[in-house]
Amino acid sequence: MVLTRHRLLIWAAILLPSLIVAIGFAYQAGLFRFNYPVSAAYPIRGLDVSHHQGPLVWSRLPKGTISFAYIKASEGADWVDPEFHMNWDGARAAGLVVGAYHFFSLCKGGLEQAQNFIGLVPFEPGMLPPVVDLEFGGNCAARPAPAALIAQLQQFMDLLAVTYGTRPMLYTTYEFAERYLPSALLREERVWIRDIMHRPQGFFAGRWTLWQYANNGRIDGIGARIDLSVFRGSAAEFRRLTVQPSSQFASRD
């Protein structure tokens, strides 16, 4: 018995690392994920992309499977995504409702970041509200005081609200929200929460507009792995989310 147990431990030590590596490769390849939101509960589904996915053939998207696409537009004060216009036009031509997002740098001011986004993203009736991406991953090393960050974020959001006629949506993670985003702000603004392991939890349960449930999604016709999200609400509520042409605030001066 002792010898058998010893042999089992040896085999486990040999096979377990290989199994972990194989599972990791399978996950990165999109062969499985941790969340599978039911289509009947969340029929309005979307994706978000940037230049990291490379050129996408939007015309190959299966009809009726995806309703919307968020396209990365800009980052910080001066960087713009080189694939933005191609992805924006391609997603629109494929019949998707489109929106743009900005990766908010913790090292730059809110006004200069807003101007970077506004200089690139057109105002188009029927588009989704702009999104400000708030997360630590890929950000600069600076960690400003919460009050200072919120002041810059409000400047960014206020200028976009005037320009596009709607308040931007907050995309965030639990980690970032816990450190920087007060509950009062999260109650006032629409939130797109990232949780690839579970349903939105804690404060965010039932408070989200969009839920990013996967970062390794597979869509027929697109080779690259992509982020997948769902909208919480009806088709009528989704239409009301879009920018309306009659907005008295919208301006592109």
C-alpha atoms as a PDB file:
ATOM      1  CA  MET A   1       0.000   0.000   0.000  1.00  0.00           C
ATOM      2  CA  VAL A   2       2.797   2.384   0.894  1.00  0.00           C
ATOM      3  CA  LEU A   3       4.564   1.599  -2.358  1.00  0.00           C
ATOM      4  CA  THR A   4       1.372   2.093  -4.395  1.00  0.00           C
ATOM      5  CA  ARG A   5       0.664   5.425  -2.757  1.00  0.00           C
ATOM      6  CA  HIS A   6       4.249   6.479  -3.396  1.00  0.00           C
ATOM      7  CA  ARG A   7       3.921   5.596  -7.054  1.00  0.00           C
ATOM      8  CA  LEU A   8       0.676   7.534  -7.298  1.00  0.00           C
ATOM      9  CA  LEU A   9       2.349  10.576  -5.825  1.00  0.00           C
ATOM     10  CA  ILE A  10       5.167  10.306  -8.330  1.00  0.00           C
ATOM     11  CA  TRP A  11       2.747  10.043 -11.257  1.00  0.00           C
ATOM     12  CA  ALA A  12       0.724  12.930  -9.904  1.00  0.00           C
ATOM     13  CA  ALA A  13       3.877  15.046  -9.637  1.00  0.00           C
ATOM     14  CA  ILE A  14       4.716  14.179 -13.235  1.00  0.00           C
ATOM     15  CA  LEU A  15       1.264  14.610 -14.772  1.00  0.00           C
ATOM     16  CA  LEU A  16      -0.185  17.510 -12.803  1.00  0.00           C
ATOM     17  CA  PRO A  17       2.051  20.245 -14.303  1.00  0.00           C
ATOM     18  CA  SER A  18       1.298  18.968 -17.808  1.00  0.00           C
ATOM     19  CA  LEU A  19      -2.426  18.930 -17.035  1.00  0.00           C
ATOM     20  CA  ILE A  20      -2.302  22.502 -15.739  1.00  0.00           C
ATOM     21  CA  VAL A  21      -0.457  23.652 -18.856  1.00  0.00           C
ATOM     22  CA  ALA A  22      -2.955  21.844 -21.107  1.00  0.00           C
ATOM     23  CA  ILE A  23      -5.902  23.443 -19.310  1.00  0.00           C
ATOM     24  CA  GLY A  24      -4.239  26.850 -19.648  1.00  0.00           C
ATOM     25  CA  PHE A  25      -3.743  26.396 -23.385  1.00  0.00           C
ATOM     26  CA  ALA A  26      -7.330  25.203 -23.806  1.00  0.00           C
ATOM     27  CA  TYR A  27      -8.643  28.245 -21.943  1.00  0.00           C
ATOM     28  CA  GLN A  28      -6.540  30.686 -23.959  1.00  0.00           C
ATOM     29  CA  ALA A  29      -7.733  28.984 -27.133  1.00  0.00           C
ATOM     30  CA  GLY A  30     -11.306  29.614 -26.082  1.00  0.00           C
ATOM     31  CA  LEU A  31     -12.234  25.944 -25.873  1.00  0.00           C
ATOM     32  CA  PHE A  32     -13.971  26.590 -22.564  1.00  0.00           C
ATOM     33  CA  ARG A  33     -14.738  29.497 -20.255  1.00  0.00           C
ATOM     34  CA  PHE A  34     -16.110  29.944 -16.749  1.00  0.00           C
ATOM     35  CA  ASN A  35     -19.343  31.819 -17.543  1.00  0.00           C
ATOM     36  CA  TYR A  36     -22.159  30.785 -19.850  1.00  0.00           C
ATOM     37  CA  PRO A  37     -24.984  33.363 -19.545  1.00  0.00           C
ATOM     38  CA  VAL A  38     -28.244  31.907 -20.807  1.00  0.00           C
ATOM     39  CA  SER A  39     -29.366  33.421 -24.100  1.00  0.00           C
ATOM     40  CA  ALA A  40     -32.995  33.458 -23.017  1.00  0.00           C
ATOM     41  CA  ALA A  41     -32.103  35.676 -20.055  1.00  0.00           C
ATOM     42  CA  TYR A  42     -29.595  37.849 -21.938  1.00  0.00           C
ATOM     43  CA  PRO A  43     -30.461  37.866 -25.634  1.00  0.00           C
ATOM     44  CA  ILE A  44     -28.598  41.117 -26.368  1.00  0.00           C
ATOM     45  CA  ARG A  45     -24.951  40.167 -26.692  1.00  0.00           C
ATOM     46  CA  GLY A  46     -21.868  42.007 -27.761  1.00  0.00           C
ATOM     47  CA  LEU A  47     -18.112  42.109 -27.971  1.00  0.00           C
ATOM     48  CA  ASP A  48     -15.300  44.597 -27.627  1.00  0.00           C
ATOM     49  CA  VAL A  49     -12.178  44.726 -29.751  1.00  0.00           C
ATOM     50  CA  SER A  50      -8.991  46.673 -30.310  1.00  0.00           C
ATOM     51  CA  HIS A  51      -5.956  46.444 -32.572  1.00  0.00           C
ATOM     52  CA  HIS A  52      -4.783  43.521 -30.438  1.00  0.00           C
ATOM     53  CA  GLN A  53      -7.210  41.246 -32.300  1.00  0.00           C
ATOM     54  CA  GLY A  54      -5.658  42.229 -35.612  1.00  0.00           C
ATOM     55  CA  PRO A  55      -7.749  42.800 -38.755  1.00  0.00           C
ATOM     56  CA  LEU A  56     -11.239  41.363 -38.296  1.00  0.00           C
ATOM     57  CA  VAL A  57     -13.553  40.165 -41.052  1.00  0.00           C
ATOM     58  CA  TRP A  58     -16.774  41.637 -39.695  1.00  0.00           C
ATOM     59  CA  SER A  59     -18.809  40.359 -42.628  1.00  0.00           C
ATOM     60  CA  ARG A  60     -18.208  36.781 -41.444  1.00  0.00           C
ATOM     61  CA  LEU A  61     -20.009  37.258 -38.134  1.00  0.00           C
ATOM     62  CA  PRO A  62     -22.936  34.850 -37.902  1.00  0.00           C
ATOM     63  CA  LYS A  63     -26.137  36.803 -38.363  1.00  0.00           C
ATOM     64  CA  GLY A  64     -28.214  37.328 -35.251  1.00  0.00           C
ATOM     65  CA  THR A  65     -25.620  36.176 -32.725  1.00  0.00           C
ATOM     66  CA  ILE A  66     -24.082  39.547 -31.828  1.00  0.00           C
ATOM     67  CA  SER A  67     -26.008  42.804 -31.389  1.00  0.00           C
ATOM     68  CA  PHE A  68     -23.336  45.351 -30.499  1.00  0.00           C
ATOM     69  CA  ALA A  69     -19.620  46.062 -30.601  1.00  0.00           C
ATOM     70  CA  TYR A  70     -17.472  48.400 -28.554  1.00  0.00           C
ATOM     71  CA  ILE A  71     -14.356  49.536 -30.392  1.00  0.00           C
ATOM     72  CA  LYS A  72     -11.229  50.810 -28.657  1.00  0.00           C
ATOM     73  CA  ALA A  73     -10.623  54.369 -29.782  1.00  0.00           C
ATOM     74  CA  SER A  74      -7.929  55.924 -27.633  1.00  0.00           C
ATOM     75  CA  GLU A  75      -5.722  55.724 -24.589  1.00  0.00           C
ATOM     76  CA  GLY A  76      -4.255  58.448 -22.432  1.00  0.00           C
ATOM     77  CA  ALA A  77      -3.672  61.893 -23.882  1.00  0.00           C
ATOM     78  CA  ASP A  78      -2.323  61.119 -27.337  1.00  0.00           C
ATOM     79  CA  TRP A  79      -2.575  57.454 -28.342  1.00  0.00           C
ATOM     80  CA  VAL A  80      -5.234  56.314 -30.809  1.00  0.00           C
ATOM     81  CA  ASP A  81      -5.991  52.765 -31.884  1.00  0.00           C
ATOM     82  CA  PRO A  82      -4.757  52.279 -35.467  1.00  0.00           C
ATOM     83  CA  GLU A  83      -7.617  49.885 -36.218  1.00  0.00           C
ATOM     84  CA  PHE A  84     -10.379  52.140 -34.859  1.00  0.00           C
ATOM     85  CA  HIS A  85     -11.860  53.413 -38.107  1.00  0.00           C
ATOM     86  CA  MET A  86     -11.615  50.026 -39.806  1.00  0.00           C
ATOM     87  CA  ASN A  87     -13.328  48.286 -36.894  1.00  0.00           C
ATOM     88  CA  TRP A  88     -15.945  51.030 -36.487  1.00  0.00           C
ATOM     89  CA  ASP A  89     -16.914  50.945 -40.160  1.00  0.00           C
ATOM     90  CA  GLY A  90     -16.723  47.152 -40.360  1.00  0.00           C
ATOM     91  CA  ALA A  91     -18.956  46.613 -37.334  1.00  0.00           C
ATOM     92  CA  ARG A  92     -21.513  49.139 -38.613  1.00  0.00           C
ATOM     93  CA  ALA A  93     -21.532  47.507 -42.046  1.00  0.00           C
ATOM     94  CA  ALA A  94     -22.184  44.166 -40.356  1.00  0.00           C
ATOM     95  CA  GLY A  95     -25.330  45.619 -38.815  1.00  0.00           C
ATOM     96  CA  LEU A  96     -24.070  45.993 -35.251  1.00  0.00           C
ATOM     97  CA  VAL A  97     -24.804  48.877 -32.930  1.00  0.00           C
ATOM     98  CA  VAL A  98     -21.416  50.420 -32.222  1.00  0.00           C
ATOM     99  CA  GLY A  99     -19.786  52.373 -29.442  1.00  0.00           C
ATOM    100  CA  ALA A 100     -16.252  53.475 -28.616  1.00  0.00           C
ATOM    101  CA  TYR A 101     -14.174  53.230 -25.470  1.00  0.00           C
ATOM    102  CA  HIS A 102     -11.193  55.081 -24.029  1.00  0.00           C
ATOM    103  CA  PHE A 103      -8.559  53.510 -21.773  1.00  0.00           C
ATOM    104  CA  PHE A 104      -8.147  56.030 -18.961  1.00  0.00           C
ATOM    105  CA  SER A 105      -4.536  56.612 -17.958  1.00  0.00           C
ATOM    106  CA  LEU A 106      -3.786  57.258 -14.294  1.00  0.00           C
ATOM    107  CA  CYS A 107      -0.851  59.413 -15.420  1.00  0.00           C
ATOM    108  CA  LYS A 108      -2.751  61.960 -17.520  1.00  0.00           C
ATOM    109  CA  GLY A 109      -5.363  64.651 -16.938  1.00  0.00           C
ATOM    110  CA  GLY A 110      -9.030  64.174 -17.649  1.00  0.00           C
ATOM    111  CA  LEU A 111      -9.468  67.057 -20.103  1.00  0.00           C
ATOM    112  CA  GLU A 112      -6.557  66.104 -22.346  1.00  0.00           C
ATOM    113  CA  GLN A 113      -7.761  62.502 -22.423  1.00  0.00           C
ATOM    114  CA  ALA A 114     -11.274  63.608 -23.319  1.00  0.00           C
ATOM    115  CA  GLN A 115      -9.934  65.758 -26.143  1.00  0.00           C
ATOM    116  CA  ASN A 116      -7.975  62.790 -27.470  1.00  0.00           C
ATOM    117  CA  PHE A 117     -11.158  60.688 -27.612  1.00  0.00           C
ATOM    118  CA  ILE A 118     -13.345  63.447 -29.037  1.00  0.00           C
ATOM    119  CA  GLY A 119     -10.850  64.175 -31.793  1.00  0.00           C
ATOM    120  CA  LEU A 120     -11.230  60.626 -33.078  1.00  0.00           C
ATOM    121  CA  VAL A 121     -14.746  59.351 -32.374  1.00  0.00           C
ATOM    122  CA  PRO A 122     -17.604  60.766 -34.463  1.00  0.00           C
ATOM    123  CA  PHE A 123     -20.968  61.752 -33.064  1.00  0.00           C
ATOM    124  CA  GLU A 124     -23.475  59.463 -34.779  1.00  0.00           C
ATOM    125  CA  PRO A 125     -27.114  59.140 -33.747  1.00  0.00           C
ATOM    126  CA  GLY A 126     -27.836  55.567 -32.747  1.00  0.00           C
ATOM    127  CA  MET A 127     -24.350  54.915 -31.413  1.00  0.00           C
ATOM    128  CA  LEU A 128     -23.842  53.510 -27.936  1.00  0.00           C
ATOM    129  CA  PRO A 129     -22.670  55.863 -25.188  1.00  0.00           C
ATOM    130  CA  PRO A 130     -18.901  56.307 -24.876  1.00  0.00           C
ATOM    131  CA  VAL A 131     -17.158  54.123 -22.323  1.00  0.00           C
ATOM    132  CA  VAL A 132     -14.255  54.987 -20.048  1.00  0.00           C
ATOM    133  CA  ASP A 133     -12.128  51.930 -19.272  1.00  0.00           C
ATOM    134  CA  LEU A 134     -10.950  52.027 -15.641  1.00  0.00           C
ATOM    135  CA  GLU A 135      -8.573  49.252 -14.647  1.00  0.00           C
ATOM    136  CA  PHE A 136      -5.057  48.674 -13.377  1.00  0.00           C
ATOM    137  CA  GLY A 137      -4.009  46.111 -15.980  1.00  0.00           C
ATOM    138  CA  GLY A 138      -1.914  47.807 -18.666  1.00  0.00           C
ATOM    139  CA  ASN A 139      -2.033  51.151 -16.883  1.00  0.00           C
ATOM    140  CA  CYS A 140       0.885  53.310 -15.811  1.00  0.00           C
ATOM    141  CA  ALA A 141       2.563  52.871 -12.440  1.00  0.00           C
ATOM    142  CA  ALA A 142       1.086  55.992 -10.865  1.00  0.00           C
ATOM    143  CA  ARG A 143      -1.567  55.581  -8.174  1.00  0.00           C
ATOM    144  CA  PRO A 144      -3.055  59.017  -7.493  1.00  0.00           C
ATOM    145  CA  ALA A 145      -5.114  59.761  -4.418  1.00  0.00           C
ATOM    146  CA  PRO A 146      -8.774  58.753  -4.893  1.00  0.00           C
ATOM    147  CA  ALA A 147     -10.027  62.347  -4.687  1.00  0.00           C
ATOM    148  CA  ALA A 148      -7.546  63.465  -7.344  1.00  0.00           C
ATOM    149  CA  LEU A 149      -8.486  60.614  -9.657  1.00  0.00           C
ATOM    150  CA  ILE A 150     -12.214  61.268  -9.296  1.00  0.00           C
ATOM    151  CA  ALA A 151     -11.699  64.966 -10.080  1.00  0.00           C
ATOM    152  CA  GLN A 152      -9.906  64.095 -13.339  1.00  0.00           C
ATOM    153  CA  LEU A 153     -12.444  61.415 -14.191  1.00  0.00           C
ATOM    154  CA  GLN A 154     -15.337  63.843 -13.706  1.00  0.00           C
ATOM    155  CA  GLN A 155     -13.676  66.339 -16.043  1.00  0.00           C
ATOM    156  CA  PHE A 156     -13.328  63.611 -18.648  1.00  0.00           C
ATOM    157  CA  MET A 157     -16.922  62.454 -18.278  1.00  0.00           C
ATOM    158  CA  ASP A 158     -18.432  65.927 -18.210  1.00  0.00           C
ATOM    159  CA  LEU A 159     -16.765  66.937 -21.472  1.00  0.00           C
ATOM    160  CA  LEU A 160     -17.846  63.718 -23.186  1.00  0.00           C
ATOM    161  CA  ALA A 161     -21.393  64.170 -21.882  1.00  0.00           C
ATOM    162  CA  VAL A 162     -21.605  67.616 -23.471  1.00  0.00           C
ATOM    163  CA  THR A 163     -20.068  66.400 -26.729  1.00  0.00           C
ATOM    164  CA  TYR A 164     -22.126  63.240 -27.222  1.00  0.00           C
ATOM    165  CA  GLY A 165     -25.291  64.136 -25.352  1.00  0.00           C
ATOM    166  CA  THR A 166     -25.079  61.243 -22.910  1.00  0.00           C
ATOM    167  CA  ARG A 167     -23.066  60.303 -19.853  1.00  0.00           C
ATOM    168  CA  PRO A 168     -20.215  57.869 -20.548  1.00  0.00           C
ATOM    169  CA  MET A 169     -20.463  54.390 -19.106  1.00  0.00           C
ATOM    170  CA  LEU A 170     -17.890  53.154 -16.588  1.00  0.00           C
ATOM    171  CA  TYR A 171     -16.089  49.922 -17.461  1.00  0.00           C
ATOM    172  CA  THR A 172     -14.280  48.629 -14.419  1.00  0.00           C
ATOM    173  CA  THR A 173     -13.042  45.727 -12.333  1.00  0.00           C
ATOM    174  CA  TYR A 174     -13.763  44.912  -8.706  1.00  0.00           C
ATOM    175  CA  GLU A 175     -10.186  45.778  -7.760  1.00  0.00           C
ATOM    176  CA  PHE A 176     -10.270  49.228  -9.352  1.00  0.00           C
ATOM    177  CA  ALA A 177     -13.730  50.038  -8.053  1.00  0.00           C
ATOM    178  CA  GLU A 178     -12.809  49.094  -4.500  1.00  0.00           C
ATOM    179  CA  ARG A 179      -9.846  51.438  -4.516  1.00  0.00           C
ATOM    180  CA  TYR A 180     -11.147  54.392  -6.501  1.00  0.00           C
ATOM    181  CA  LEU A 181     -14.866  54.430  -7.270  1.00  0.00           C
ATOM    182  CA  PRO A 182     -17.194  55.517  -4.457  1.00  0.00           C
ATOM    183  CA  SER A 183     -20.575  53.819  -4.243  1.00  0.00           C
ATOM    184  CA  ALA A 184     -22.355  57.147  -4.805  1.00  0.00           C
ATOM    185  CA  LEU A 185     -20.673  57.505  -8.203  1.00  0.00           C
ATOM    186  CA  LEU A 186     -21.433  53.914  -9.143  1.00  0.00           C
ATOM    187  CA  ARG A 187     -25.092  54.423  -8.276  1.00  0.00           C
ATOM    188  CA  GLU A 188     -25.306  57.514 -10.495  1.00  0.00           C
ATOM    189  CA  GLU A 189     -23.526  56.168 -13.576  1.00  0.00           C
ATOM    190  CA  ARG A 190     -24.100  53.178 -15.814  1.00  0.00           C
ATOM    191  CA  VAL A 191     -21.588  50.428 -15.167  1.00  0.00           C
ATOM    192  CA  TRP A 192     -19.986  47.760 -17.319  1.00  0.00           C
ATOM    193  CA  ILE A 193     -18.453  45.261 -14.901  1.00  0.00           C
ATOM    194  CA  ARG A 194     -15.824  42.662 -15.729  1.00  0.00           C
ATOM    195  CA  ASP A 195     -16.223  39.251 -14.113  1.00  0.00           C
ATOM    196  CA  ILE A 196     -15.020  36.290 -16.116  1.00  0.00           C
ATOM    197  CA  MET A 197     -15.346  33.854 -13.216  1.00  0.00           C
ATOM    198  CA  HIS A 198     -18.842  34.489 -11.795  1.00  0.00           C
ATOM    199  CA  ARG A 199     -21.987  36.504 -12.231  1.00  0.00           C
ATOM    200  CA  PRO A 200     -21.551  40.119 -11.051  1.00  0.00           C
ATOM    201  CA  GLN A 201     -21.302  40.014  -7.276  1.00  0.00           C
ATOM    202  CA  GLY A 202     -21.558  42.140  -4.171  1.00  0.00           C
ATOM    203  CA  PHE A 203     -22.375  45.791  -4.777  1.00  0.00           C
ATOM    204  CA  PHE A 204     -22.606  45.161  -8.531  1.00  0.00           C
ATOM    205  CA  ALA A 205     -25.199  42.386  -8.400  1.00  0.00           C
ATOM    206  CA  GLY A 206     -28.227  43.814 -10.170  1.00  0.00           C
ATOM    207  CA  ARG A 207     -26.546  47.208 -10.664  1.00  0.00           C
ATOM    208  CA  TRP A 208     -24.795  46.623 -13.978  1.00  0.00           C
ATOM    209  CA  THR A 209     -25.762  47.632 -17.500  1.00  0.00           C
ATOM    210  CA  LEU A 210     -23.187  45.488 -19.299  1.00  0.00           C
ATOM    211  CA  TRP A 211     -21.381  42.430 -17.987  1.00  0.00           C
ATOM    212  CA  GLN A 212     -18.158  41.239 -19.605  1.00  0.00           C
ATOM    213  CA  TYR A 213     -18.336  37.537 -18.882  1.00  0.00           C
ATOM    214  CA  ALA A 214     -15.461  36.218 -21.004  1.00  0.00           C
ATOM    215  CA  ASN A 215     -12.092  37.333 -22.318  1.00  0.00           C
ATOM    216  CA  ASN A 216     -11.480  34.307 -24.521  1.00  0.00           C
ATOM    217  CA  GLY A 217     -14.626  34.241 -26.613  1.00  0.00           C
ATOM    218  CA  ARG A 218     -14.871  32.341 -29.859  1.00  0.00           C
ATOM    219  CA  ILE A 219     -17.111  33.620 -32.640  1.00  0.00           C
ATOM    220  CA  ASP A 220     -17.535  31.705 -35.879  1.00  0.00           C
ATOM    221  CA  GLY A 221     -15.692  33.492 -38.662  1.00  0.00           C
ATOM    222  CA  ILE A 222     -13.267  35.356 -36.369  1.00  0.00           C
ATOM    223  CA  GLY A 223     -10.008  33.660 -35.529  1.00  0.00           C
ATOM    224  CA  ALA A 224      -8.910  35.950 -32.697  1.00  0.00           C
ATOM    225  CA  ARG A 225     -10.143  35.459 -29.135  1.00  0.00           C
ATOM    226  CA  ILE A 226     -12.365  38.338 -28.055  1.00  0.00           C
ATOM    227  CA  ASP A 227     -14.133  39.764 -25.013  1.00  0.00           C
ATOM    228  CA  LEU A 228     -17.831  38.916 -24.755  1.00  0.00           C
ATOM    229  CA  SER A 229     -20.523  40.834 -22.884  1.00  0.00           C
ATOM    230  CA  VAL A 230     -24.265  40.885 -22.339  1.00  0.00           C
ATOM    231  CA  PHE A 231     -26.751  43.704 -21.791  1.00  0.00           C
ATOM    232  CA  ARG A 232     -29.094  43.596 -18.811  1.00  0.00           C
ATOM    233  CA  GLY A 233     -32.491  44.636 -20.093  1.00  0.00           C
ATOM    234  CA  SER A 234     -34.997  44.426 -22.912  1.00  0.00           C
ATOM    235  CA  ALA A 235     -34.627  45.378 -26.556  1.00  0.00           C
ATOM    236  CA  ALA A 236     -36.537  48.604 -25.857  1.00  0.00           C
ATOM    237  CA  GLU A 237     -34.181  49.440 -22.987  1.00  0.00           C
ATOM    238  CA  PHE A 238     -31.202  48.766 -25.237  1.00  0.00           C
ATOM    239  CA  ARG A 239     -32.558  51.200 -27.828  1.00  0.00           C
ATOM    240  CA  ARG A 240     -32.939  53.833 -25.123  1.00  0.00           C
ATOM    241  CA  LEU A 241     -29.290  53.350 -24.226  1.00  0.00           C
ATOM    242  CA  THR A 242     -28.186  54.655 -27.622  1.00  0.00           C
ATOM    243  CA  VAL A 243     -27.392  58.294 -28.391  1.00  0.00           C
ATOM    244  CA  GLN A 244     -30.405  60.141 -29.713  1.00  0.00           C
ATOM    245  CA  PRO A 245     -30.178  62.654 -32.595  1.00  0.00           C
ATOM    246  CA  SER A 246     -32.363  65.192 -30.800  1.00  0.00           C
ATOM    247  CA  SER A 247     -29.929  65.698 -27.902  1.00  0.00           C
ATOM    248  CA  GLN A 248     -29.718  69.391 -27.100  1.00  0.00           C
ATOM    249  CA  PHE A 249     -26.177  68.919 -25.796  1.00  0.00           C
ATOM    250  CA  ALA A 250     -24.552  67.089 -28.679  1.00  0.00           C
ATOM    251  CA  SER A 251     -21.974  69.238 -30.420  1.00  0.00           C
ATOM    252  CA  ARG A 252     -19.074  68.646 -32.779  1.00  0.00           C
ATOM    253  CA  ASP A 253     -17.751  72.199 -33.048  1.00  0.00           C
END
